[in-house]
């Protein structure tokens, strides 16, 4: 299944988000090896292909790399904003060199505002988390 098909499955079939798990390289590292979004009906794992530095999207229960340490971050900022929400929008991000090096997710907010978005960008064989904000 390609990245677009994986994201379509998440948007249309996954249900509400139940947990967010980060896998880091080692117990003291700030570098993120993977992010798992655990929904009611599926688990989405986002990681990086170290040979191309592109994001990899997989549905299933793949265990984190043996060099990494798993952390449940569901109650931490910015993740707690999206727990209990469905995912109506997602994007694959491709750079000017045609590398698929990012993914963006947008969850609704509890009130009637603009919602909550975050991006995962591949860099140096790890993921970086960005929280964009609307201007105006």
C-alpha atoms as a PDB file:
ATOM      1  CA  UNK A   1       0.000   0.000   0.000  1.00  0.00           C
ATOM      2  CA  UNK A   2       1.421   3.409  -0.974  1.00  0.00           C
ATOM      3  CA  UNK A   3       1.551   6.473   1.264  1.00  0.00           C
ATOM      4  CA  UNK A   4      -1.589   8.033  -0.205  1.00  0.00           C
ATOM      5  CA  UNK A   5      -3.559   4.818   0.288  1.00  0.00           C
ATOM      6  CA  UNK A   6      -2.306   4.512   3.869  1.00  0.00           C
ATOM      7  CA  UNK A   7      -3.419   8.065   4.670  1.00  0.00           C
ATOM      8  CA  UNK A   8      -6.797   7.460   3.008  1.00  0.00           C
ATOM      9  CA  UNK A   9      -7.310   4.393   5.202  1.00  0.00           C
ATOM     10  CA  UNK A  10      -6.472   6.431   8.300  1.00  0.00           C
ATOM     11  CA  UNK A  11      -8.819   9.290   7.374  1.00  0.00           C
ATOM     12  CA  UNK A  12     -11.764   7.125   6.306  1.00  0.00           C
ATOM     13  CA  UNK A  13     -11.460   4.006   8.479  1.00  0.00           C
ATOM     14  CA  UNK A  14      -9.365   4.593  11.625  1.00  0.00           C
ATOM     15  CA  UNK A  15     -11.855   6.196  14.017  1.00  0.00           C
ATOM     16  CA  UNK A  16     -10.838   8.348  16.970  1.00  0.00           C
ATOM     17  CA  UNK A  17      -7.225   8.830  18.015  1.00  0.00           C
ATOM     18  CA  UNK A  18      -6.523   6.986  21.277  1.00  0.00           C
ATOM     19  CA  UNK A  19      -2.761   7.423  21.840  1.00  0.00           C
ATOM     20  CA  UNK A  20       0.463   8.878  20.454  1.00  0.00           C
ATOM     21  CA  UNK A  21       3.763   7.063  20.964  1.00  0.00           C
ATOM     22  CA  UNK A  22       7.235   8.366  20.132  1.00  0.00           C
ATOM     23  CA  UNK A  23      10.191   6.096  19.644  1.00  0.00           C
ATOM     24  CA  UNK A  24      13.527   7.783  20.353  1.00  0.00           C
ATOM     25  CA  UNK A  25      17.059   6.650  19.569  1.00  0.00           C
ATOM     26  CA  UNK A  26      18.244   5.678  23.060  1.00  0.00           C
ATOM     27  CA  UNK A  27      16.938   6.696  26.466  1.00  0.00           C
ATOM     28  CA  UNK A  28      18.580  10.145  26.534  1.00  0.00           C
ATOM     29  CA  UNK A  29      18.253  11.091  22.882  1.00  0.00           C
ATOM     30  CA  UNK A  30      15.951  13.825  21.637  1.00  0.00           C
ATOM     31  CA  UNK A  31      16.041  12.329  18.109  1.00  0.00           C
ATOM     32  CA  UNK A  32      12.722  10.729  17.121  1.00  0.00           C
ATOM     33  CA  UNK A  33      12.963   7.375  15.316  1.00  0.00           C
ATOM     34  CA  UNK A  34       9.214   6.925  14.765  1.00  0.00           C
ATOM     35  CA  UNK A  35       5.780   8.187  15.731  1.00  0.00           C
ATOM     36  CA  UNK A  36       2.803   5.864  16.184  1.00  0.00           C
ATOM     37  CA  UNK A  37      -0.719   7.253  16.009  1.00  0.00           C
ATOM     38  CA  UNK A  38      -2.983   4.684  17.659  1.00  0.00           C
ATOM     39  CA  UNK A  39      -6.586   4.974  16.488  1.00  0.00           C
ATOM     40  CA  UNK A  40      -9.665   2.923  17.413  1.00  0.00           C
ATOM     41  CA  UNK A  41      -9.338   0.629  14.411  1.00  0.00           C
ATOM     42  CA  UNK A  42      -5.720   0.887  13.283  1.00  0.00           C
ATOM     43  CA  UNK A  43      -2.211   1.957  14.220  1.00  0.00           C
ATOM     44  CA  UNK A  44      -0.234   4.251  11.906  1.00  0.00           C
ATOM     45  CA  UNK A  45       3.546   4.115  12.214  1.00  0.00           C
ATOM     46  CA  UNK A  46       5.568   6.980  10.703  1.00  0.00           C
ATOM     47  CA  UNK A  47       9.323   6.475  10.419  1.00  0.00           C
ATOM     48  CA  UNK A  48      12.245   7.406   8.145  1.00  0.00           C
ATOM     49  CA  UNK A  49      13.969   5.331   5.477  1.00  0.00           C
ATOM     50  CA  UNK A  50      17.646   5.969   6.358  1.00  0.00           C
ATOM     51  CA  UNK A  51      18.827   5.294   2.801  1.00  0.00           C
ATOM     52  CA  UNK A  52      16.693   8.046   1.227  1.00  0.00           C
ATOM     53  CA  UNK A  53      15.684  10.213   4.225  1.00  0.00           C
ATOM     54  CA  UNK A  54      12.039   9.882   3.174  1.00  0.00           C
ATOM     55  CA  UNK A  55       9.075   9.274   5.465  1.00  0.00           C
ATOM     56  CA  UNK A  56       7.656   5.760   5.601  1.00  0.00           C
ATOM     57  CA  UNK A  57       3.999   5.183   6.505  1.00  0.00           C
ATOM     58  CA  UNK A  58       2.803   1.759   7.648  1.00  0.00           C
ATOM     59  CA  UNK A  59      -0.400   0.440   9.163  1.00  0.00           C
ATOM     60  CA  UNK A  60       0.061  -2.289  11.733  1.00  0.00           C
ATOM     61  CA  UNK A  61       1.887  -3.180  14.912  1.00  0.00           C
ATOM     62  CA  UNK A  62       5.513  -3.014  13.834  1.00  0.00           C
ATOM     63  CA  UNK A  63       7.753  -2.811  16.871  1.00  0.00           C
ATOM     64  CA  UNK A  64      10.189   0.077  17.214  1.00  0.00           C
ATOM     65  CA  UNK A  65      13.818  -0.417  16.274  1.00  0.00           C
ATOM     66  CA  UNK A  66      15.848  -2.247  18.935  1.00  0.00           C
ATOM     67  CA  UNK A  67      18.030   0.875  19.300  1.00  0.00           C
ATOM     68  CA  UNK A  68      15.041   3.025  20.227  1.00  0.00           C
ATOM     69  CA  UNK A  69      12.998   3.639  23.382  1.00  0.00           C
ATOM     70  CA  UNK A  70       9.191   3.981  23.236  1.00  0.00           C
ATOM     71  CA  UNK A  71       7.386   6.836  25.054  1.00  0.00           C
ATOM     72  CA  UNK A  72       3.628   7.379  25.396  1.00  0.00           C
ATOM     73  CA  UNK A  73       3.220  11.134  24.893  1.00  0.00           C
ATOM     74  CA  UNK A  74      -0.583  11.234  24.643  1.00  0.00           C
ATOM     75  CA  UNK A  75      -0.952  13.553  27.656  1.00  0.00           C
ATOM     76  CA  UNK A  76       1.808  15.957  26.622  1.00  0.00           C
ATOM     77  CA  UNK A  77       1.681  19.083  24.480  1.00  0.00           C
ATOM     78  CA  UNK A  78       1.066  19.263  21.610  1.00  0.00           C
ATOM     79  CA  UNK A  79      -0.302  15.722  21.319  1.00  0.00           C
ATOM     80  CA  UNK A  80      -3.063  15.906  23.935  1.00  0.00           C
ATOM     81  CA  UNK A  81      -4.917  18.406  21.730  1.00  0.00           C
ATOM     82  CA  UNK A  82      -5.854  15.665  19.254  1.00  0.00           C
ATOM     83  CA  UNK A  83      -6.614  12.700  21.541  1.00  0.00           C
ATOM     84  CA  UNK A  84     -10.262  11.648  21.154  1.00  0.00           C
ATOM     85  CA  UNK A  85     -10.564  13.292  17.726  1.00  0.00           C
ATOM     86  CA  UNK A  86     -10.937  11.817  14.276  1.00  0.00           C
ATOM     87  CA  UNK A  87      -8.532  12.774  11.479  1.00  0.00           C
ATOM     88  CA  UNK A  88     -10.340  14.530   8.618  1.00  0.00           C
ATOM     89  CA  UNK A  89      -7.259  15.754   6.703  1.00  0.00           C
ATOM     90  CA  UNK A  90      -3.749  14.513   5.936  1.00  0.00           C
ATOM     91  CA  UNK A  91      -1.091  15.415   3.369  1.00  0.00           C
ATOM     92  CA  UNK A  92       2.062  13.900   1.929  1.00  0.00           C
ATOM     93  CA  UNK A  93       4.816  16.541   1.626  1.00  0.00           C
ATOM     94  CA  UNK A  94       7.254  16.301  -1.280  1.00  0.00           C
ATOM     95  CA  UNK A  95      10.217  18.664  -1.602  1.00  0.00           C
ATOM     96  CA  UNK A  96      11.638  20.332  -4.734  1.00  0.00           C
ATOM     97  CA  UNK A  97      13.947  17.342  -5.332  1.00  0.00           C
ATOM     98  CA  UNK A  98      10.932  14.986  -5.421  1.00  0.00           C
ATOM     99  CA  UNK A  99      11.681  13.375  -2.040  1.00  0.00           C
ATOM    100  CA  UNK A 100       8.674  12.519   0.117  1.00  0.00           C
ATOM    101  CA  UNK A 101      10.172  13.902   3.277  1.00  0.00           C
ATOM    102  CA  UNK A 102       7.154  14.921   5.287  1.00  0.00           C
ATOM    103  CA  UNK A 103       3.559  14.344   6.276  1.00  0.00           C
ATOM    104  CA  UNK A 104       0.978  16.734   7.722  1.00  0.00           C
ATOM    105  CA  UNK A 105      -2.068  15.928   9.842  1.00  0.00           C
ATOM    106  CA  UNK A 106      -4.968  18.204  10.771  1.00  0.00           C
ATOM    107  CA  UNK A 107      -7.384  17.348  13.566  1.00  0.00           C
ATOM    108  CA  UNK A 108     -10.486  19.348  14.522  1.00  0.00           C
ATOM    109  CA  UNK A 109     -10.382  21.351  17.729  1.00  0.00           C
ATOM    110  CA  UNK A 110     -12.832  20.978  20.580  1.00  0.00           C
ATOM    111  CA  UNK A 111     -14.265  24.424  19.884  1.00  0.00           C
ATOM    112  CA  UNK A 112     -15.115  25.911  16.501  1.00  0.00           C
ATOM    113  CA  UNK A 113     -11.648  27.311  15.749  1.00  0.00           C
ATOM    114  CA  UNK A 114      -9.170  26.270  13.087  1.00  0.00           C
ATOM    115  CA  UNK A 115      -8.188  22.879  14.477  1.00  0.00           C
ATOM    116  CA  UNK A 116      -4.838  21.392  15.352  1.00  0.00           C
ATOM    117  CA  UNK A 117      -2.133  20.605  12.790  1.00  0.00           C
ATOM    118  CA  UNK A 118       1.298  19.067  13.033  1.00  0.00           C
ATOM    119  CA  UNK A 119       3.957  18.031  10.563  1.00  0.00           C
ATOM    120  CA  UNK A 120       6.566  15.282  10.726  1.00  0.00           C
ATOM    121  CA  UNK A 121       9.608  16.029   8.558  1.00  0.00           C
ATOM    122  CA  UNK A 122      12.453  13.593   7.851  1.00  0.00           C
ATOM    123  CA  UNK A 123      15.933  15.007   8.505  1.00  0.00           C
ATOM    124  CA  UNK A 124      19.196  13.148   9.156  1.00  0.00           C
ATOM    125  CA  UNK A 125      17.379   9.770   9.393  1.00  0.00           C
ATOM    126  CA  UNK A 126      15.084  11.002  12.175  1.00  0.00           C
ATOM    127  CA  UNK A 127      11.742  12.795  12.431  1.00  0.00           C
ATOM    128  CA  UNK A 128      11.271  16.403  13.435  1.00  0.00           C
ATOM    129  CA  UNK A 129       7.918  17.628  14.738  1.00  0.00           C
ATOM    130  CA  UNK A 130       6.557  20.995  13.647  1.00  0.00           C
ATOM    131  CA  UNK A 131       3.353  22.662  14.800  1.00  0.00           C
ATOM    132  CA  UNK A 132       2.347  25.259  12.189  1.00  0.00           C
ATOM    133  CA  UNK A 133       0.054  28.099  13.138  1.00  0.00           C
ATOM    134  CA  UNK A 134      -2.369  30.117  11.134  1.00  0.00           C
ATOM    135  CA  UNK A 135      -1.607  33.789  10.618  1.00  0.00           C
ATOM    136  CA  UNK A 136      -4.571  36.079  10.139  1.00  0.00           C
END
